[in-house]
Amino acid sequence: MTKKRLADSPTFRQLQTHFDAVGDAAMRTQFASEPDRYSRYSLHAAGLMLDYSKNRLNQTTLDLLMALAREQQVEARRDAMFAGEKINLTEQRAVLHTALRAPRSTALCVDGQDITADVHAVLDQMHGFSEQIRSGNWVGRDGQAITDIVNIGIGGSYLGPKMVCQALRAQAHARLSCHFVSNVDGHDLAAVLAKVNPATTLFIIASKTFTTTETMMNAHSARSWFLQSGTEADLARHFVAVSTNLPAVTGFGIDAANMFPFWDWVGGRYSIWSAIGLSVAVLVGFAAFREFLDGAHRMDQHFRTAPLEQNMPVLLAMIGIWYRNFHGASSVSVAPYHQDLALFAGYLQQLDMESNGKRVTASGQPLSAASGPVIWGDTGTNGQHAYFQLLHQGSDLIPMDFIAVLNASHTLPGHHAVLLANCFAQSEAFMRGKTAVEVRADLQAQGLDAAATEALVPHKTFPGNRPSNTLLMDALTPANLGALIALYEHKVFVQGVIWGVNSFDQWGVELGKVLAQAIARELSGKSAPQQHDSSTTALIALARAAQMATPSIAPDSPSAD
């Protein structure tokens, strides 16, 4: 039976009618008439608290949104994912990042294989390896303990580990520093290599196939750099791999025992829970990494079992549907009020936009309603002095997610109270705004004359009624961070189900890769010029001319020093 287009579903139409009636309802008025609004529109799960009371919605809105979720079979699709069904239809794969954080006692088979046993075998391997590095028992080529970890990967093999290592840096091993290289631009790798000592550096090469262009170029350049002062026999002490391609890994010089595998049912942007998280386990210790997995698992259990009306990922997702598909909001801004979460918005960009940035349904039909929004943001107080102006007084409606931590891990007096005050004040300001009457009264109290007052009123008026969610946690622990990431993973999944897209493929990134390979051959002179449009042809010609005009500097040239 063919599924109805989203825009043609009865509940979607009811929501449109409801929006036409109440979509611009003033939140100020709602708070005044509903003294219990916070208690009604907030909940706790897996160590997190979600306050969604500062949204343009009422109980009817929520009832209709939950009806839409049921109509679009969110519960059935959720259960299919956890059961290991091949819900990634275009690649015929299961989607089981949740299995990576499930307890050892969980029974789950895919294609007759006990994947729980496979997952925990790799976790045990990570545990043993991370303890060797942290204890100093693993030494480099000249007997010194490892001091620096360089993770070379791209996409999920870079964004996840880097974000989590930054977020948990308060728990980092005192001797160890982690560095992350992703960009094929040599400036990225060169800057890292300039900081580290080859005799005390461990490289983690993260590439499932061990063929990813950017990753392998960086890996081979790091290998060549290392061999300037070491031997091929030393490589096994300084390079390990997260991959599935054993011949390529051993051919590179990495010991087979130091290849950490993962599986095709783990998408790159969902892979931080796998061996891709090896740098995290080394930096903060395996006990903390296990807490990280456990926090995510607690959110998984909440998502699986809580009724939709009290289900944090479902609520966050459906409120997002309300703004994307009825209010026309094309972006969402994320503002963590914690410096250690500075990379979180960038991590969410890939998670959300690579998953739901689609224009056709899973069955290949054009979408009848808009899909994934643009995700962007920065740490909150920095954002206040950069782009919050547009959020407060700009012409676009941009919903916000505020994220804050109640207890700091530092001991500097006064800072955390000011930080939280800014977070809470901004969410209140977005909701309340400031009316012309209030602005006029303030200016008159300052003694401005009537003409000056009226000239300033429109500039100092804030429309308010700008929606936001606030997520709080007691402390930025590994468990709470795991729950936070899993919350957004499940939010993205639910929204994908509503829109009817496959959230687990990413064909849109492929075309540019293919074209880049051909152009790279042209730039290097390995291929004759191909047929391109006039712009691309001219750009290639300019690049080739620049290469020929810039003389190479030989390694032994005096000018190379």
Protein backbone atom coordinates (compact mmCIF):
# COMPACT_ATOMS: atom_id res chain seq x y z
CA MET A 1 0.00 0.00 0.00
CA THR A 2 1.39 3.41 -1.02
CA LYS A 3 1.90 5.81 1.84
CA LYS A 4 0.12 9.17 1.57
CA ARG A 5 2.17 12.24 0.86
CA LEU A 6 2.84 14.11 4.10
CA ALA A 7 1.04 17.26 2.95
CA ASP A 8 -2.04 15.18 2.08
CA SER A 9 -2.33 13.46 5.45
CA PRO A 10 -5.44 14.37 7.47
CA THR A 11 -3.46 15.33 10.56
CA PHE A 12 -1.04 17.50 8.60
CA ARG A 13 -4.05 19.38 7.22
CA GLN A 14 -5.50 19.72 10.71
CA LEU A 15 -2.22 21.16 11.88
CA GLN A 16 -2.30 23.69 9.05
CA THR A 17 -5.80 24.77 10.06
CA HIS A 18 -4.67 24.97 13.70
CA PHE A 19 -1.62 27.03 12.70
CA ASP A 20 -3.77 29.46 10.75
CA ALA A 21 -5.76 30.04 13.95
CA VAL A 22 -3.07 30.18 16.65
CA GLY A 23 0.36 30.10 14.98
CA ASP A 24 1.28 33.62 16.08
CA ALA A 25 -0.16 33.37 19.60
CA ALA A 26 1.80 35.55 22.01
CA MET A 27 3.85 33.53 24.47
CA ARG A 28 3.70 36.40 26.95
CA THR A 29 -0.06 36.01 27.06
CA GLN A 30 0.23 32.22 27.36
CA PHE A 31 2.56 32.49 30.37
CA ALA A 32 0.25 35.04 31.99
CA SER A 33 -2.81 32.82 31.55
CA GLU A 34 -1.02 29.53 32.40
CA PRO A 35 0.87 29.87 35.71
CA ASP A 36 1.79 26.18 35.51
CA ARG A 37 3.12 26.41 31.96
CA TYR A 38 6.68 25.37 32.90
CA SER A 39 5.58 22.32 34.88
CA ARG A 40 3.23 21.25 32.08
CA TYR A 41 5.81 21.70 29.32
CA SER A 42 9.02 20.29 30.77
CA LEU A 43 10.35 16.82 31.52
CA HIS A 44 13.40 14.88 32.72
CA ALA A 45 15.07 11.92 31.03
CA ALA A 46 18.48 10.22 31.22
CA GLY A 47 20.03 13.03 33.28
CA LEU A 48 18.68 15.84 31.10
CA MET A 49 15.88 18.35 31.64
CA LEU A 50 14.00 19.82 28.68
CA ASP A 51 12.01 23.02 29.14
CA TYR A 52 9.87 23.52 26.03
CA SER A 53 7.43 25.99 27.57
CA LYS A 54 8.86 28.95 25.60
CA ASN A 55 7.35 27.76 22.33
CA ARG A 56 4.39 28.99 20.31
CA LEU A 57 2.19 26.04 21.17
CA ASN A 58 -0.64 24.88 23.39
CA GLN A 59 -2.02 21.49 24.32
CA THR A 60 -3.97 21.23 21.08
CA THR A 61 -0.75 21.84 19.13
CA LEU A 62 0.99 19.04 21.00
CA ASP A 63 -1.95 16.67 20.64
CA LEU A 64 -2.00 17.18 16.89
CA LEU A 65 1.77 16.82 16.59
CA MET A 66 1.67 13.52 18.47
CA ALA A 67 -1.21 12.39 16.27
CA LEU A 68 0.95 13.17 13.23
CA ALA A 69 3.81 11.15 14.74
CA ARG A 70 1.51 8.16 15.17
CA GLU A 71 0.00 8.60 11.72
CA GLN A 72 3.51 8.58 10.21
CA GLN A 73 4.33 5.40 12.20
CA VAL A 74 7.15 6.80 14.32
CA GLU A 75 6.76 4.04 16.92
CA ALA A 76 6.83 1.25 14.33
CA ARG A 77 9.84 2.72 12.53
CA ARG A 78 11.64 3.20 15.85
CA ASP A 79 11.04 -0.43 16.78
CA ALA A 80 12.25 -1.56 13.36
CA MET A 81 15.50 0.34 13.81
CA PHE A 82 16.20 -1.15 17.23
CA ALA A 83 15.34 -4.62 15.96
CA GLY A 84 18.00 -4.44 13.25
CA GLU A 85 15.70 -4.27 10.24
CA LYS A 86 17.33 -2.85 7.11
CA ILE A 87 15.71 0.56 7.28
CA ASN A 88 18.51 2.14 5.21
CA LEU A 89 16.76 1.12 2.02
CA THR A 90 19.08 2.59 -0.59
CA GLU A 91 22.06 0.69 0.82
CA GLN A 92 20.10 -2.28 2.22
CA ARG A 93 21.63 -1.91 5.66
CA ALA A 94 20.50 -2.07 9.24
CA VAL A 95 20.98 1.05 11.36
CA LEU A 96 22.34 -0.02 14.72
CA HIS A 97 24.46 2.68 16.33
CA THR A 98 22.25 2.02 19.37
CA ALA A 99 23.76 -1.49 19.59
CA LEU A 100 27.19 0.06 20.13
CA ARG A 101 26.14 1.33 23.56
CA ALA A 102 23.92 -1.58 24.61
CA PRO A 103 24.96 -3.78 27.58
CA ARG A 104 26.84 -7.01 26.98
CA SER A 105 23.73 -8.97 27.96
CA THR A 106 21.69 -7.60 25.03
CA ALA A 107 20.72 -10.25 22.48
CA LEU A 108 20.79 -8.93 18.92
CA CYS A 109 21.62 -10.70 15.67
CA VAL A 110 21.96 -9.28 12.17
CA ASP A 111 22.06 -11.70 9.23
CA GLY A 112 22.68 -14.53 11.70
CA GLN A 113 25.64 -12.79 13.36
CA ASP A 114 25.65 -12.04 17.10
CA ILE A 115 26.56 -8.38 16.82
CA THR A 116 26.51 -7.77 20.57
CA ALA A 117 29.44 -10.16 20.96
CA ASP A 118 31.23 -8.40 18.08
CA VAL A 119 30.67 -4.97 19.60
CA HIS A 120 31.97 -5.95 23.02
CA ALA A 121 34.98 -7.72 21.56
CA VAL A 122 36.03 -4.41 20.00
CA LEU A 123 35.22 -2.52 23.22
CA ASP A 124 37.44 -4.95 25.12
CA GLN A 125 40.19 -4.37 22.56
CA MET A 126 39.79 -0.58 23.00
CA HIS A 127 39.86 -0.99 26.78
CA GLY A 128 43.14 -2.89 26.77
CA PHE A 129 44.80 -0.58 24.27
CA SER A 130 43.72 2.64 25.99
CA GLU A 131 45.04 1.37 29.32
CA GLN A 132 48.40 0.56 27.75
CA ILE A 133 48.73 4.10 26.39
CA ARG A 134 47.54 5.80 29.58
CA SER A 135 49.74 3.72 31.89
CA GLY A 136 52.84 4.38 29.81
CA ASN A 137 53.35 0.67 29.12
CA TRP A 138 52.97 1.32 25.41
CA VAL A 139 56.13 3.14 24.39
CA GLY A 140 57.36 4.64 21.18
CA ARG A 141 60.40 3.76 19.13
CA ASP A 142 62.94 4.99 21.69
CA GLY A 143 61.19 3.75 24.83
CA GLN A 144 59.36 6.95 25.77
CA ALA A 145 55.67 6.99 26.69
CA ILE A 146 53.18 8.42 24.21
CA THR A 147 52.35 12.08 24.81
CA ASP A 148 50.31 13.03 21.72
CA ILE A 149 47.47 11.34 19.85
CA VAL A 150 46.81 12.49 16.27
CA ASN A 151 43.43 11.32 14.93
CA ILE A 152 43.33 11.43 11.13
CA GLY A 153 39.84 11.07 9.67
CA ILE A 154 37.08 13.12 8.09
CA GLY A 155 33.34 13.57 8.55
CA GLY A 156 32.09 11.46 11.43
CA SER A 157 35.60 10.07 11.95
CA TYR A 158 36.69 13.60 12.85
CA LEU A 159 33.71 15.65 14.06
CA GLY A 160 32.59 13.18 16.72
CA PRO A 161 35.92 12.37 18.37
CA LYS A 162 37.08 15.99 18.30
CA MET A 163 33.82 17.30 19.78
CA VAL A 164 33.73 14.69 22.56
CA CYS A 165 37.42 15.10 23.47
CA GLN A 166 36.85 18.85 23.73
CA ALA A 167 33.68 18.38 25.77
CA LEU A 168 35.35 16.01 28.25
CA ARG A 169 38.74 17.73 28.39
CA ALA A 170 38.37 18.34 32.13
CA GLN A 171 38.89 14.56 32.54
CA ALA A 172 41.84 14.27 30.14
CA HIS A 173 44.97 12.37 31.14
CA ALA A 174 47.59 14.87 32.28
CA ARG A 175 50.30 13.49 29.98
CA LEU A 176 48.20 13.22 26.83
CA SER A 177 47.11 15.73 24.19
CA CYS A 178 44.77 14.93 21.31
CA HIS A 179 45.00 16.55 17.88
CA PHE A 180 42.62 16.11 14.96
CA VAL A 181 43.35 16.34 11.25
CA SER A 182 40.66 16.13 8.59
CA ASN A 183 41.28 18.67 5.85
CA VAL A 184 43.15 17.61 2.72
CA ASP A 185 44.54 21.15 2.81
CA GLY A 186 48.11 20.48 3.90
CA HIS A 187 48.04 23.45 6.25
CA ASP A 188 45.90 21.37 8.62
CA LEU A 189 48.34 18.47 8.94
CA ALA A 190 51.44 20.66 8.81
CA ALA A 191 50.24 22.72 11.77
CA VAL A 192 49.76 19.58 13.87
CA LEU A 193 53.06 17.95 12.86
CA ALA A 194 54.87 21.13 13.87
CA LYS A 195 53.62 20.65 17.44
CA VAL A 196 54.43 16.99 18.06
CA ASN A 197 57.49 14.80 18.57
CA PRO A 198 57.51 11.75 16.28
CA ALA A 199 59.10 9.63 19.02
CA THR A 200 56.14 10.18 21.38
CA THR A 201 53.23 10.52 18.94
CA LEU A 202 50.58 7.92 18.12
CA PHE A 203 48.54 8.30 14.92
CA ILE A 204 45.03 6.86 14.70
CA ILE A 205 44.03 6.47 11.04
CA ALA A 206 40.22 6.32 10.92
CA SER A 207 38.87 5.11 7.59
CA LYS A 208 36.46 2.20 7.23
CA THR A 209 37.73 1.27 3.76
CA PHE A 210 41.24 2.70 4.20
CA THR A 211 40.71 4.39 0.83
CA THR A 212 39.06 7.72 1.79
CA THR A 213 40.92 10.27 -0.35
CA GLU A 214 41.46 13.02 2.22
CA THR A 215 42.21 10.66 5.10
CA MET A 216 44.67 8.51 3.19
CA MET A 217 46.52 11.49 1.73
CA ASN A 218 46.97 12.85 5.25
CA ALA A 219 47.89 9.38 6.55
CA HIS A 220 50.59 8.84 3.95
CA SER A 221 51.97 12.34 4.49
CA ALA A 222 52.13 11.66 8.25
CA ARG A 223 53.84 8.34 7.53
CA SER A 224 56.44 10.04 5.33
CA TRP A 225 57.04 12.68 8.00
CA PHE A 226 57.51 9.98 10.63
CA LEU A 227 59.95 8.03 8.44
CA GLN A 228 62.20 11.07 8.14
CA SER A 229 63.42 10.23 11.64
CA GLY A 230 62.29 6.64 12.11
CA THR A 231 62.21 3.30 10.32
CA GLU A 232 59.42 1.21 8.83
CA ALA A 233 59.89 -1.21 11.71
CA ASP A 234 58.90 1.62 14.05
CA LEU A 235 55.55 2.26 12.32
CA ALA A 236 53.73 -0.40 14.32
CA ARG A 237 54.51 1.46 17.57
CA HIS A 238 53.19 4.77 16.25
CA PHE A 239 50.27 4.01 13.91
CA VAL A 240 46.98 2.18 14.56
CA ALA A 241 43.86 1.97 12.41
CA VAL A 242 40.10 2.07 12.77
CA SER A 243 39.11 0.21 9.63
CA THR A 244 37.81 -2.98 8.06
CA ASN A 245 40.42 -3.31 5.29
CA LEU A 246 43.08 -5.56 6.84
CA PRO A 247 45.29 -5.93 3.74
CA ALA A 248 45.52 -2.15 3.26
CA VAL A 249 46.13 -1.59 6.97
CA THR A 250 48.98 -4.09 7.20
CA GLY A 251 50.39 -2.87 3.89
CA PHE A 252 50.62 0.59 5.44
CA GLY A 253 52.79 -0.84 8.22
CA ILE A 254 50.18 -1.18 10.98
CA ASP A 255 50.12 -4.37 13.03
CA ALA A 256 46.97 -6.41 12.41
CA ALA A 257 46.45 -6.60 16.18
CA ASN A 258 46.10 -2.84 16.22
CA MET A 259 43.29 -2.57 13.71
CA PHE A 260 40.00 -1.74 15.44
CA PRO A 261 37.05 -2.77 13.25
CA PHE A 262 33.50 -1.50 12.91
CA TRP A 263 30.59 -2.45 10.68
CA ASP A 264 28.51 -1.34 7.70
CA TRP A 265 25.47 -0.84 9.97
CA VAL A 266 27.33 2.04 11.64
CA GLY A 267 26.96 5.27 9.69
CA GLY A 268 29.87 7.69 9.88
CA ARG A 269 27.92 10.43 11.66
CA TYR A 270 26.67 7.87 14.20
CA SER A 271 30.07 6.24 14.80
CA ILE A 272 31.47 8.01 17.87
CA TRP A 273 30.21 5.08 19.97
CA SER A 274 32.35 2.62 17.98
CA ALA A 275 36.11 2.27 17.61
CA ILE A 276 35.98 5.72 16.01
CA GLY A 277 35.86 6.87 19.64
CA LEU A 278 39.29 5.33 20.35
CA SER A 279 40.90 8.75 20.85
CA VAL A 280 38.22 9.54 23.44
CA ALA A 281 38.84 6.29 25.32
CA VAL A 282 42.59 6.99 25.37
CA LEU A 283 42.27 10.62 26.44
CA VAL A 284 39.68 10.28 29.23
CA GLY A 285 40.01 6.59 30.06
CA PHE A 286 37.84 3.62 29.25
CA ALA A 287 35.77 3.90 32.42
CA ALA A 288 34.65 7.37 31.33
CA PHE A 289 34.06 6.11 27.77
CA ARG A 290 31.86 3.36 29.20
CA GLU A 291 29.89 6.00 31.15
CA PHE A 292 29.51 7.91 27.89
CA LEU A 293 28.01 4.81 26.24
CA ASP A 294 25.79 4.14 29.25
CA GLY A 295 24.35 7.67 29.16
CA ALA A 296 23.43 7.22 25.52
CA HIS A 297 21.89 3.84 26.29
CA ARG A 298 19.71 5.40 28.98
CA MET A 299 18.40 7.85 26.40
CA ASP A 300 17.83 4.91 24.01
CA GLN A 301 15.73 3.17 26.63
CA HIS A 302 13.72 6.33 27.28
CA PHE A 303 13.15 6.78 23.53
CA ARG A 304 12.03 3.15 23.17
CA THR A 305 9.65 3.04 26.11
CA ALA A 306 8.26 6.48 27.00
CA PRO A 307 4.85 7.42 25.58
CA LEU A 308 5.20 9.92 22.76
CA GLU A 309 3.71 12.69 24.88
CA GLN A 310 6.48 12.25 27.51
CA ASN A 311 9.24 11.26 25.09
CA MET A 312 12.04 13.84 24.99
CA PRO A 313 13.42 13.07 21.49
CA VAL A 314 9.89 12.91 20.04
CA LEU A 315 8.89 16.21 21.63
CA LEU A 316 12.03 17.95 20.42
CA ALA A 317 11.51 16.53 16.92
CA MET A 318 7.82 17.37 16.64
CA ILE A 319 8.30 20.91 17.92
CA GLY A 320 10.90 21.22 15.15
CA ILE A 321 8.33 19.96 12.63
CA TRP A 322 5.91 22.64 13.87
CA TYR A 323 8.40 25.39 13.05
CA ARG A 324 9.85 23.93 9.85
CA ASN A 325 6.62 22.92 8.14
CA PHE A 326 4.08 25.39 9.47
CA HIS A 327 6.00 28.50 10.55
CA GLY A 328 8.42 28.21 7.62
CA ALA A 329 11.55 28.37 9.79
CA SER A 330 14.44 27.25 7.59
CA SER A 331 17.14 27.15 10.26
CA VAL A 332 17.69 26.30 13.92
CA SER A 333 20.39 27.88 16.07
CA VAL A 334 22.06 25.93 18.87
CA ALA A 335 23.65 27.85 21.76
CA PRO A 336 25.58 25.83 24.36
CA TYR A 337 26.42 27.92 27.42
CA HIS A 338 29.55 25.92 28.17
CA GLN A 339 32.91 26.47 26.48
CA ASP A 340 33.64 22.74 26.40
CA LEU A 341 30.61 22.30 24.11
CA ALA A 342 32.02 24.80 21.61
CA LEU A 343 32.11 22.16 18.85
CA PHE A 344 28.64 20.76 19.50
CA ALA A 345 26.77 22.86 16.92
CA GLY A 346 29.27 21.83 14.25
CA TYR A 347 28.78 18.19 15.20
CA LEU A 348 25.01 18.59 14.92
CA GLN A 349 25.38 20.11 11.46
CA GLN A 350 26.55 16.82 10.03
CA LEU A 351 24.21 14.71 12.16
CA ASP A 352 21.12 16.64 11.09
CA MET A 353 21.89 18.10 7.67
CA GLU A 354 23.59 15.03 6.20
CA SER A 355 20.76 12.86 7.52
CA ASN A 356 17.68 14.87 6.55
CA GLY A 357 18.96 17.17 3.82
CA LYS A 358 16.92 15.26 1.24
CA ARG A 359 14.47 16.22 -1.51
CA VAL A 360 12.87 12.82 -2.15
CA THR A 361 11.22 10.25 0.07
CA ALA A 362 12.72 6.88 0.86
CA SER A 363 10.67 5.51 -2.04
CA GLY A 364 12.12 8.11 -4.43
CA GLN A 365 9.14 10.44 -4.70
CA PRO A 366 9.51 14.24 -4.46
CA LEU A 367 8.78 15.56 -0.97
CA SER A 368 5.50 17.37 -0.47
CA ALA A 369 6.79 19.36 2.51
CA ALA A 370 10.13 20.97 3.42
CA SER A 371 12.71 18.73 5.08
CA GLY A 372 15.82 19.34 7.19
CA PRO A 373 16.61 22.88 8.35
CA VAL A 374 20.03 24.51 8.45
CA ILE A 375 21.70 23.89 11.84
CA TRP A 376 24.16 26.46 13.11
CA GLY A 377 25.41 28.15 16.26
CA ASP A 378 28.23 28.85 18.68
CA THR A 379 28.79 29.07 22.41
CA GLY A 380 26.08 31.28 23.86
CA THR A 381 27.92 34.31 25.18
CA ASN A 382 30.01 34.53 22.02
CA GLY A 383 26.85 34.31 19.94
CA GLN A 384 25.28 37.13 21.93
CA HIS A 385 28.04 39.44 20.70
CA ALA A 386 27.90 38.18 17.13
CA TYR A 387 24.58 37.07 15.65
CA PHE A 388 21.96 37.31 18.41
CA GLN A 389 21.09 40.74 17.00
CA LEU A 390 19.56 39.02 13.97
CA LEU A 391 17.77 36.49 16.16
CA HIS A 392 16.19 39.21 18.30
CA GLN A 393 15.32 41.84 15.72
CA GLY A 394 15.83 40.25 12.30
CA SER A 395 13.01 39.46 9.91
CA ASP A 396 13.36 35.65 10.05
CA LEU A 397 11.94 33.33 12.68
CA ILE A 398 14.83 31.17 13.92
CA PRO A 399 14.05 28.77 16.79
CA MET A 400 16.78 28.30 19.39
CA ASP A 401 18.08 25.42 21.49
CA PHE A 402 19.80 26.67 24.66
CA ILE A 403 22.02 24.12 26.42
CA ALA A 404 23.41 24.78 29.89
CA VAL A 405 25.15 22.98 32.74
CA LEU A 406 24.16 23.80 36.31
CA ASN A 407 27.51 23.00 37.93
CA ALA A 408 30.86 24.08 36.55
CA SER A 409 33.99 21.93 36.62
CA HIS A 410 36.22 24.97 37.31
CA THR A 411 36.61 26.87 40.59
CA LEU A 412 36.81 30.48 39.36
CA PRO A 413 34.40 32.48 41.53
CA GLY A 414 31.44 34.25 39.97
CA HIS A 415 31.86 33.12 36.38
CA HIS A 416 29.26 30.38 36.31
CA ALA A 417 26.49 32.47 37.84
CA VAL A 418 27.04 35.15 35.19
CA LEU A 419 27.09 32.50 32.46
CA LEU A 420 23.78 30.98 33.57
CA ALA A 421 22.25 34.43 34.05
CA ASN A 422 23.03 35.20 30.41
CA CYS A 423 21.51 31.92 29.22
CA PHE A 424 18.28 32.31 31.15
CA ALA A 425 17.99 36.02 30.34
CA GLN A 426 18.37 35.42 26.63
CA SER A 427 15.64 32.78 26.51
CA GLU A 428 13.36 35.14 28.47
CA ALA A 429 14.22 38.06 26.17
CA PHE A 430 13.48 36.02 23.06
CA MET A 431 10.10 35.07 24.50
CA ARG A 432 9.07 38.44 26.03
CA GLY A 433 10.58 40.98 23.70
CA LYS A 434 10.08 44.63 24.55
CA THR A 435 7.05 46.56 23.37
CA ALA A 436 7.01 50.13 22.06
CA VAL A 437 5.09 51.18 25.19
CA GLU A 438 7.84 49.73 27.42
CA VAL A 439 10.61 51.31 25.36
CA ARG A 440 8.87 54.70 25.42
CA ALA A 441 8.48 54.57 29.20
CA ASP A 442 12.18 53.72 29.66
CA LEU A 443 13.32 56.55 27.42
CA GLN A 444 11.04 59.06 29.09
CA ALA A 445 12.36 57.98 32.50
CA GLN A 446 15.87 58.76 31.20
CA GLY A 447 14.74 62.31 30.47
CA LEU A 448 14.69 62.20 26.67
CA ASP A 449 12.40 64.69 25.01
CA ALA A 450 9.42 63.54 22.98
CA ALA A 451 11.09 63.87 19.57
CA ALA A 452 14.21 61.95 20.57
CA THR A 453 12.07 59.30 22.25
CA GLU A 454 9.89 58.69 19.20
CA ALA A 455 12.95 58.54 16.96
CA LEU A 456 14.46 55.74 19.08
CA VAL A 457 11.32 53.71 19.82
CA PRO A 458 11.30 51.59 16.63
CA HIS A 459 15.02 50.78 16.99
CA LYS A 460 14.74 49.65 20.60
CA THR A 461 11.55 47.65 20.21
CA PHE A 462 11.95 43.85 20.27
CA PRO A 463 9.09 41.86 18.74
CA GLY A 464 9.72 38.90 21.06
CA ASN A 465 7.66 35.74 20.63
CA ARG A 466 10.83 34.03 19.41
CA PRO A 467 10.68 30.35 20.39
CA SER A 468 13.32 28.35 22.23
CA ASN A 469 13.96 25.11 24.08
CA THR A 470 16.27 24.94 27.09
CA LEU A 471 18.20 21.76 27.91
CA LEU A 472 19.84 21.53 31.34
CA MET A 473 22.12 18.96 32.95
CA ASP A 474 23.63 18.93 36.43
CA ALA A 475 27.21 18.63 35.16
CA LEU A 476 28.99 17.94 31.88
CA THR A 477 29.77 14.31 32.66
CA PRO A 478 30.47 11.56 30.12
CA ALA A 479 27.04 10.05 30.83
CA ASN A 480 25.17 13.32 30.35
CA LEU A 481 27.09 14.08 27.16
CA GLY A 482 26.22 10.63 25.83
CA ALA A 483 22.55 11.22 26.60
CA LEU A 484 22.65 14.64 24.93
CA ILE A 485 24.11 13.28 21.69
CA ALA A 486 21.67 10.35 21.64
CA LEU A 487 18.79 12.78 22.21
CA TYR A 488 19.66 14.65 19.03
CA GLU A 489 20.27 11.42 17.10
CA HIS A 490 16.76 10.28 17.90
CA LYS A 491 15.30 13.72 17.19
CA VAL A 492 16.82 13.54 13.69
CA PHE A 493 15.45 10.02 13.23
CA VAL A 494 11.90 11.04 14.20
CA GLN A 495 11.93 14.03 11.87
CA GLY A 496 13.18 11.81 9.04
CA VAL A 497 10.26 9.46 9.65
CA ILE A 498 7.79 12.36 9.54
CA TRP A 499 9.21 13.62 6.24
CA GLY A 500 9.49 10.08 4.89
CA VAL A 501 13.19 10.39 3.98
CA ASN A 502 16.02 7.91 4.44
CA SER A 503 18.06 9.57 7.19
CA PHE A 504 20.94 7.11 6.84
CA ASP A 505 22.36 7.61 3.36
CA GLN A 506 24.21 10.63 1.95
CA TRP A 507 24.37 10.36 -1.81
CA GLY A 508 24.56 14.14 -2.10
CA VAL A 509 28.24 14.12 -1.11
CA GLU A 510 29.27 11.70 -3.86
CA LEU A 511 29.07 13.75 -7.07
CA GLY A 512 31.61 16.34 -5.96
CA LYS A 513 34.01 13.59 -4.90
CA VAL A 514 33.87 11.93 -8.32
CA LEU A 515 34.38 15.20 -10.17
CA ALA A 516 37.24 16.17 -7.84
CA GLN A 517 39.13 12.97 -8.69
CA ALA A 518 38.97 13.77 -12.39
CA ILE A 519 40.02 17.40 -11.87
CA ALA A 520 42.88 16.35 -9.58
CA ARG A 521 44.28 14.21 -12.41
CA GLU A 522 44.06 17.19 -14.75
CA LEU A 523 45.78 19.51 -12.27
CA SER A 524 48.63 17.04 -11.78
CA GLY A 525 49.04 16.52 -15.52
CA LYS A 526 48.13 12.83 -15.28
CA SER A 527 45.10 13.35 -17.47
CA ALA A 528 44.41 15.43 -20.57
CA PRO A 529 41.96 18.32 -20.08
CA GLN A 530 38.37 17.10 -19.97
CA GLN A 531 35.14 18.70 -21.12
CA HIS A 532 33.92 21.18 -18.47
CA ASP A 533 31.84 24.32 -18.40
CA SER A 534 33.73 27.54 -19.19
CA SER A 535 34.02 28.55 -15.52
CA THR A 536 35.53 25.25 -14.34
CA THR A 537 37.84 25.10 -17.36
CA ALA A 538 39.14 28.59 -16.60
CA LEU A 539 39.67 27.82 -12.92
CA ILE A 540 41.67 24.69 -13.76
CA ALA A 541 43.80 26.68 -16.20
CA LEU A 542 44.53 29.34 -13.57
CA ALA A 543 45.54 26.69 -11.03
CA ARG A 544 47.84 24.94 -13.51
CA ALA A 545 49.43 28.23 -14.51
CA ALA A 546 50.06 29.06 -10.84
CA GLN A 547 51.68 25.67 -10.29
CA MET A 548 54.02 26.13 -13.23
CA ALA A 549 54.91 29.66 -12.15
CA THR A 550 55.84 28.62 -8.58
CA PRO A 551 59.22 26.84 -8.51
CA SER A 552 59.47 23.79 -6.31
CA ILE A 553 61.89 24.03 -3.38
CA ALA A 554 64.12 21.00 -3.18
CA PRO A 555 64.61 19.55 0.33
CA ASP A 556 68.36 20.37 0.26
CA SER A 557 67.94 23.88 -1.13
CA PRO A 558 69.30 26.67 1.09
CA SER A 559 66.01 28.54 0.73
CA ALA A 560 64.12 25.61 2.29
CA ASP A 561 65.43 26.38 5.80
